[in-house]
Amino acid sequence: MIAALLSADEQRQLLVLARDALVARVSGFPPPAAVDGPRIVTGAFVTLHHRGDLRGCLGRVETGLPLVHAVSSLAAAVADSDPRFAPLCAAELDAIAIEISVLTPPRPVESIEQVVVGRHGLIVERDRRRGLLLPQVAVEHGWDAPTFVAHTCFKAGLPADAWQEGAQVFVFEAQVFGERHEST
């Protein structure tokens, strides 16, 4: 995780905007106008948890959009576009906690010894395959760096040792913040 890119007020603005965009999408309404919030252009992910369990996660390493617009778009899309999950329904909204990850630009690493669990997220690329895992994933699963890299290879549809066979490994950092809901 990185030092703060965004102030506490900017984080709150983005969380309110993400919640409004999510509710609008699930309710069939147009997305809210993203007027207030950070205008920096950077990558971001929006993750949904339902009673503590992953319920969806979508993002982009590079959005080309100001962060306020990227978060609004991603929060709406994650309601029904993560192929791993059925579309979110209105009855679930009160039990959903939103988490936002604001990314630094990725940079290549020469060796997996440079991967710092808890600080770095990973991207593994080879040919046309690409896998990405956010920094918090390794911490949540208690993985060491080699295990984290192996799982990122799997996410790309590659063998666990693809990083030894020509796949490129990139690291990035993230400022992660979110709503806190009690598991019930």
C-alpha atoms as a PDB file:
ATOM      1  CA  MET A   1       0.000   0.000   0.000  1.00  0.00           C
ATOM      2  CA  ILE A   2       1.208   3.511  -0.668  1.00  0.00           C
ATOM      3  CA  ALA A   3       1.272   6.790   1.131  1.00  0.00           C
ATOM      4  CA  ALA A   4      -1.938   8.742   0.635  1.00  0.00           C
ATOM      5  CA  LEU A   5      -2.611   9.975  -2.870  1.00  0.00           C
ATOM      6  CA  LEU A   6      -6.036  11.164  -1.801  1.00  0.00           C
ATOM      7  CA  SER A   7      -7.173  13.051   1.267  1.00  0.00           C
ATOM      8  CA  ALA A   8      -9.814  11.649   3.604  1.00  0.00           C
ATOM      9  CA  ASP A   9     -12.357  14.065   2.072  1.00  0.00           C
ATOM     10  CA  GLU A  10     -11.527  12.894  -1.468  1.00  0.00           C
ATOM     11  CA  GLN A  11     -11.873   9.281  -0.357  1.00  0.00           C
ATOM     12  CA  ARG A  12     -15.310  10.005   1.129  1.00  0.00           C
ATOM     13  CA  GLN A  13     -16.371  11.788  -2.078  1.00  0.00           C
ATOM     14  CA  LEU A  14     -15.367   8.787  -4.172  1.00  0.00           C
ATOM     15  CA  LEU A  15     -17.127   6.326  -1.863  1.00  0.00           C
ATOM     16  CA  VAL A  16     -20.358   8.365  -1.971  1.00  0.00           C
ATOM     17  CA  LEU A  17     -20.114   8.605  -5.755  1.00  0.00           C
ATOM     18  CA  ALA A  18     -19.421   4.867  -6.064  1.00  0.00           C
ATOM     19  CA  ARG A  19     -22.397   4.034  -3.827  1.00  0.00           C
ATOM     20  CA  ASP A  20     -24.681   6.356  -5.824  1.00  0.00           C
ATOM     21  CA  ALA A  21     -23.509   4.860  -9.145  1.00  0.00           C
ATOM     22  CA  LEU A  22     -23.984   1.302  -7.864  1.00  0.00           C
ATOM     23  CA  VAL A  23     -27.493   1.992  -6.544  1.00  0.00           C
ATOM     24  CA  ALA A  24     -28.469   3.790  -9.762  1.00  0.00           C
ATOM     25  CA  ARG A  25     -27.308   0.857 -11.916  1.00  0.00           C
ATOM     26  CA  VAL A  26     -29.094  -1.756  -9.801  1.00  0.00           C
ATOM     27  CA  SER A  27     -32.251   0.406  -9.755  1.00  0.00           C
ATOM     28  CA  GLY A  28     -32.186   0.990 -13.508  1.00  0.00           C
ATOM     29  CA  PHE A  29     -31.563   4.730 -13.256  1.00  0.00           C
ATOM     30  CA  PRO A  30     -28.968   6.800 -15.135  1.00  0.00           C
ATOM     31  CA  PRO A  31     -25.625   7.197 -13.392  1.00  0.00           C
ATOM     32  CA  PRO A  32     -25.132  10.241 -11.192  1.00  0.00           C
ATOM     33  CA  ALA A  33     -23.120  13.155 -12.539  1.00  0.00           C
ATOM     34  CA  ALA A  34     -19.543  12.939 -11.285  1.00  0.00           C
ATOM     35  CA  VAL A  35     -19.044  16.590 -10.444  1.00  0.00           C
ATOM     36  CA  ASP A  36     -17.120  16.536  -7.155  1.00  0.00           C
ATOM     37  CA  GLY A  37     -14.013  14.524  -6.538  1.00  0.00           C
ATOM     38  CA  PRO A  38     -10.411  13.976  -7.550  1.00  0.00           C
ATOM     39  CA  ARG A  39      -9.535  14.716 -11.161  1.00  0.00           C
ATOM     40  CA  ILE A  40      -6.191  12.912 -11.290  1.00  0.00           C
ATOM     41  CA  VAL A  41      -5.904  10.412 -14.144  1.00  0.00           C
ATOM     42  CA  THR A  42      -4.884   7.028 -12.777  1.00  0.00           C
ATOM     43  CA  GLY A  43      -5.931   3.406 -12.659  1.00  0.00           C
ATOM     44  CA  ALA A  44      -8.548   2.202 -10.204  1.00  0.00           C
ATOM     45  CA  PHE A  45     -10.524  -0.843  -9.115  1.00  0.00           C
ATOM     46  CA  VAL A  46     -13.889  -1.046  -7.376  1.00  0.00           C
ATOM     47  CA  THR A  47     -14.467  -4.147  -5.265  1.00  0.00           C
ATOM     48  CA  LEU A  48     -17.764  -5.228  -3.720  1.00  0.00           C
ATOM     49  CA  HIS A  49     -18.072  -7.415  -0.636  1.00  0.00           C
ATOM     50  CA  HIS A  50     -21.376  -8.942   0.454  1.00  0.00           C
ATOM     51  CA  ARG A  51     -21.340  -9.796   4.135  1.00  0.00           C
ATOM     52  CA  GLY A  52     -17.558 -10.065   3.925  1.00  0.00           C
ATOM     53  CA  ASP A  53     -17.415 -12.251   0.797  1.00  0.00           C
ATOM     54  CA  LEU A  54     -16.191 -11.041  -2.578  1.00  0.00           C
ATOM     55  CA  ARG A  55     -19.206 -10.085  -4.717  1.00  0.00           C
ATOM     56  CA  GLY A  56     -17.465  -8.400  -7.650  1.00  0.00           C
ATOM     57  CA  CYS A  57     -14.367  -6.521  -8.700  1.00  0.00           C
ATOM     58  CA  LEU A  58     -13.659  -4.537 -11.843  1.00  0.00           C
ATOM     59  CA  GLY A  59     -11.024  -2.022 -12.723  1.00  0.00           C
ATOM     60  CA  ARG A  60      -8.472  -0.712 -15.111  1.00  0.00           C
ATOM     61  CA  VAL A  61      -4.750  -0.156 -14.761  1.00  0.00           C
ATOM     62  CA  GLU A  62      -5.043   2.814 -17.098  1.00  0.00           C
ATOM     63  CA  THR A  63      -8.396   4.515 -17.528  1.00  0.00           C
ATOM     64  CA  GLY A  64      -7.558   7.676 -19.455  1.00  0.00           C
ATOM     65  CA  LEU A  65     -10.273   9.302 -17.350  1.00  0.00           C
ATOM     66  CA  PRO A  66     -10.190  11.537 -14.303  1.00  0.00           C
ATOM     67  CA  LEU A  67     -10.471   9.338 -11.214  1.00  0.00           C
ATOM     68  CA  VAL A  68     -13.915  10.677 -10.331  1.00  0.00           C
ATOM     69  CA  HIS A  69     -15.306   9.475 -13.694  1.00  0.00           C
ATOM     70  CA  ALA A  70     -13.420   6.174 -13.647  1.00  0.00           C
ATOM     71  CA  VAL A  71     -14.760   5.269 -10.197  1.00  0.00           C
ATOM     72  CA  SER A  72     -18.334   6.179 -11.149  1.00  0.00           C
ATOM     73  CA  SER A  73     -18.133   4.049 -14.302  1.00  0.00           C
ATOM     74  CA  LEU A  74     -16.483   1.092 -12.562  1.00  0.00           C
ATOM     75  CA  ALA A  75     -18.918   1.132  -9.628  1.00  0.00           C
ATOM     76  CA  ALA A  76     -21.862   0.979 -12.022  1.00  0.00           C
ATOM     77  CA  ALA A  77     -20.276  -1.735 -14.159  1.00  0.00           C
ATOM     78  CA  VAL A  78     -19.318  -4.016 -11.274  1.00  0.00           C
ATOM     79  CA  ALA A  79     -23.027  -4.311 -10.387  1.00  0.00           C
ATOM     80  CA  ASP A  80     -23.642  -6.530 -13.404  1.00  0.00           C
ATOM     81  CA  SER A  81     -20.497  -7.007 -15.472  1.00  0.00           C
ATOM     82  CA  ASP A  82     -18.090  -9.155 -13.422  1.00  0.00           C
ATOM     83  CA  PRO A  83     -18.452 -12.485 -15.264  1.00  0.00           C
ATOM     84  CA  ARG A  84     -17.746 -14.446 -12.090  1.00  0.00           C
ATOM     85  CA  PHE A  85     -20.981 -13.286 -10.437  1.00  0.00           C
ATOM     86  CA  ALA A  86     -24.682 -12.917 -11.196  1.00  0.00           C
ATOM     87  CA  PRO A  87     -25.879  -9.300 -11.433  1.00  0.00           C
ATOM     88  CA  LEU A  88     -26.378  -7.603  -8.092  1.00  0.00           C
ATOM     89  CA  CYS A  89     -29.998  -7.262  -6.972  1.00  0.00           C
ATOM     90  CA  ALA A  90     -31.574  -4.468  -4.940  1.00  0.00           C
ATOM     91  CA  ALA A  91     -32.091  -6.744  -1.914  1.00  0.00           C
ATOM     92  CA  GLU A  92     -28.298  -7.109  -1.589  1.00  0.00           C
ATOM     93  CA  LEU A  93     -27.439  -3.387  -1.575  1.00  0.00           C
ATOM     94  CA  ASP A  94     -27.679  -2.838   2.198  1.00  0.00           C
ATOM     95  CA  ALA A  95     -25.181  -5.659   2.818  1.00  0.00           C
ATOM     96  CA  ILE A  96     -22.669  -4.489   0.185  1.00  0.00           C
ATOM     97  CA  ALA A  97     -19.431  -2.796   1.252  1.00  0.00           C
ATOM     98  CA  ILE A  98     -17.522  -0.892  -1.426  1.00  0.00           C
ATOM     99  CA  GLU A  99     -13.722  -0.814  -1.559  1.00  0.00           C
ATOM    100  CA  ILE A 100     -11.759   1.403  -3.942  1.00  0.00           C
ATOM    101  CA  SER A 101      -8.133   0.844  -4.940  1.00  0.00           C
ATOM    102  CA  VAL A 102      -6.342   3.791  -6.568  1.00  0.00           C
ATOM    103  CA  LEU A 103      -3.286   2.529  -8.466  1.00  0.00           C
ATOM    104  CA  THR A 104       0.157   3.850  -9.209  1.00  0.00           C
ATOM    105  CA  PRO A 105       1.523   3.172 -12.707  1.00  0.00           C
ATOM    106  CA  PRO A 106       2.958  -0.348 -13.030  1.00  0.00           C
ATOM    107  CA  ARG A 107       6.687  -0.877 -13.379  1.00  0.00           C
ATOM    108  CA  PRO A 108       8.579  -4.020 -14.413  1.00  0.00           C
ATOM    109  CA  VAL A 109      10.632  -6.035 -11.949  1.00  0.00           C
ATOM    110  CA  GLU A 110      13.755  -8.004 -12.757  1.00  0.00           C
ATOM    111  CA  SER A 111      13.123 -10.699 -10.170  1.00  0.00           C
ATOM    112  CA  ILE A 112      10.314 -11.792  -7.879  1.00  0.00           C
ATOM    113  CA  GLU A 113      12.587 -11.022  -4.942  1.00  0.00           C
ATOM    114  CA  GLN A 114      11.608  -7.388  -5.625  1.00  0.00           C
ATOM    115  CA  VAL A 115       7.932  -8.159  -4.895  1.00  0.00           C
ATOM    116  CA  VAL A 116       6.906  -6.909  -1.459  1.00  0.00           C
ATOM    117  CA  VAL A 117       3.760  -8.612  -0.156  1.00  0.00           C
ATOM    118  CA  GLY A 118       1.394  -6.061   1.357  1.00  0.00           C
ATOM    119  CA  ARG A 119       2.868  -3.253  -0.696  1.00  0.00           C
ATOM    120  CA  HIS A 120       2.766  -4.423  -4.303  1.00  0.00           C
ATOM    121  CA  GLY A 121       0.006  -5.561  -6.588  1.00  0.00           C
ATOM    122  CA  LEU A 122       1.069  -7.714  -9.527  1.00  0.00           C
ATOM    123  CA  ILE A 123       0.535  -7.952 -13.249  1.00  0.00           C
ATOM    124  CA  VAL A 124       1.870 -10.926 -15.209  1.00  0.00           C
ATOM    125  CA  GLU A 125       1.863 -10.771 -19.018  1.00  0.00           C
ATOM    126  CA  ARG A 126       2.874 -13.154 -21.742  1.00  0.00           C
ATOM    127  CA  ASP A 127       1.704 -13.218 -25.332  1.00  0.00           C
ATOM    128  CA  ARG A 128      -1.870 -11.918 -25.175  1.00  0.00           C
ATOM    129  CA  ARG A 129      -2.531 -13.141 -21.636  1.00  0.00           C
ATOM    130  CA  ARG A 130      -2.600 -10.872 -18.631  1.00  0.00           C
ATOM    131  CA  GLY A 131      -3.406 -11.438 -14.977  1.00  0.00           C
ATOM    132  CA  LEU A 132      -3.666  -8.848 -12.228  1.00  0.00           C
ATOM    133  CA  LEU A 133      -4.056  -9.178  -8.474  1.00  0.00           C
ATOM    134  CA  LEU A 134      -4.394  -6.213  -6.118  1.00  0.00           C
ATOM    135  CA  PRO A 135      -1.955  -5.833  -3.190  1.00  0.00           C
ATOM    136  CA  GLN A 136      -4.563  -6.762  -0.588  1.00  0.00           C
ATOM    137  CA  VAL A 137      -5.179 -10.203  -2.167  1.00  0.00           C
ATOM    138  CA  ALA A 138      -1.841 -11.656  -1.043  1.00  0.00           C
ATOM    139  CA  VAL A 139      -2.334 -10.319   2.477  1.00  0.00           C
ATOM    140  CA  GLU A 140      -5.906 -11.673   2.717  1.00  0.00           C
ATOM    141  CA  HIS A 141      -4.699 -15.152   1.701  1.00  0.00           C
ATOM    142  CA  GLY A 142      -1.431 -15.127   3.666  1.00  0.00           C
ATOM    143  CA  TRP A 143       0.679 -15.682   0.557  1.00  0.00           C
ATOM    144  CA  ASP A 144       4.413 -15.165   0.257  1.00  0.00           C
ATOM    145  CA  ALA A 145       5.854 -13.492  -2.865  1.00  0.00           C
ATOM    146  CA  PRO A 146       6.393 -16.695  -4.924  1.00  0.00           C
ATOM    147  CA  THR A 147       2.842 -17.873  -4.173  1.00  0.00           C
ATOM    148  CA  PHE A 148       1.461 -14.425  -5.061  1.00  0.00           C
ATOM    149  CA  VAL A 149       3.306 -14.478  -8.397  1.00  0.00           C
ATOM    150  CA  ALA A 150       2.108 -18.048  -9.098  1.00  0.00           C
ATOM    151  CA  HIS A 151      -1.530 -17.078  -8.468  1.00  0.00           C
ATOM    152  CA  THR A 152      -1.162 -14.035 -10.714  1.00  0.00           C
ATOM    153  CA  CYS A 153       0.173 -16.358 -13.431  1.00  0.00           C
ATOM    154  CA  PHE A 154      -2.879 -18.609 -12.938  1.00  0.00           C
ATOM    155  CA  LYS A 155      -5.143 -15.566 -13.229  1.00  0.00           C
ATOM    156  CA  ALA A 156      -3.527 -14.872 -16.614  1.00  0.00           C
ATOM    157  CA  GLY A 157      -4.266 -18.443 -17.693  1.00  0.00           C
ATOM    158  CA  LEU A 158      -0.570 -19.300 -17.554  1.00  0.00           C
ATOM    159  CA  PRO A 159       1.379 -21.971 -15.669  1.00  0.00           C
ATOM    160  CA  ALA A 160       2.485 -21.039 -12.147  1.00  0.00           C
ATOM    161  CA  ASP A 161       6.116 -20.741 -13.262  1.00  0.00           C
ATOM    162  CA  ALA A 162       5.407 -18.602 -16.344  1.00  0.00           C
ATOM    163  CA  TRP A 163       7.475 -15.818 -14.783  1.00  0.00           C
ATOM    164  CA  GLN A 164      10.503 -18.105 -15.239  1.00  0.00           C
ATOM    165  CA  GLU A 165       9.542 -18.846 -18.843  1.00  0.00           C
ATOM    166  CA  GLY A 166       9.392 -15.387 -20.405  1.00  0.00           C
ATOM    167  CA  ALA A 167       6.333 -13.802 -18.805  1.00  0.00           C
ATOM    168  CA  GLN A 168       6.831 -10.212 -17.678  1.00  0.00           C
ATOM    169  CA  VAL A 169       6.101  -9.285 -14.067  1.00  0.00           C
ATOM    170  CA  PHE A 170       5.064  -5.755 -13.127  1.00  0.00           C
ATOM    171  CA  VAL A 171       4.369  -4.277  -9.712  1.00  0.00           C
ATOM    172  CA  PHE A 172       2.184  -1.367  -8.707  1.00  0.00           C
ATOM    173  CA  GLU A 173       1.017   0.094  -5.436  1.00  0.00           C
ATOM    174  CA  ALA A 174      -2.480   1.059  -4.354  1.00  0.00           C
ATOM    175  CA  GLN A 175      -4.201   3.364  -1.925  1.00  0.00           C
ATOM    176  CA  VAL A 176      -7.067   1.205  -0.673  1.00  0.00           C
ATOM    177  CA  PHE A 177     -10.060   2.555   1.216  1.00  0.00           C
ATOM    178  CA  GLY A 178     -13.663   1.577   1.637  1.00  0.00           C
ATOM    179  CA  GLU A 179     -16.899   1.396   3.492  1.00  0.00           C
ATOM    180  CA  ARG A 180     -16.974  -0.750   6.583  1.00  0.00           C
ATOM    181  CA  HIS A 181     -20.003  -2.973   7.065  1.00  0.00           C
ATOM    182  CA  GLU A 182     -20.518  -5.539   9.760  1.00  0.00           C
ATOM    183  CA  SER A 183     -20.828  -9.142   8.598  1.00  0.00           C
ATOM    184  CA  THR A 184     -24.280 -10.465   9.417  1.00  0.00           C
END
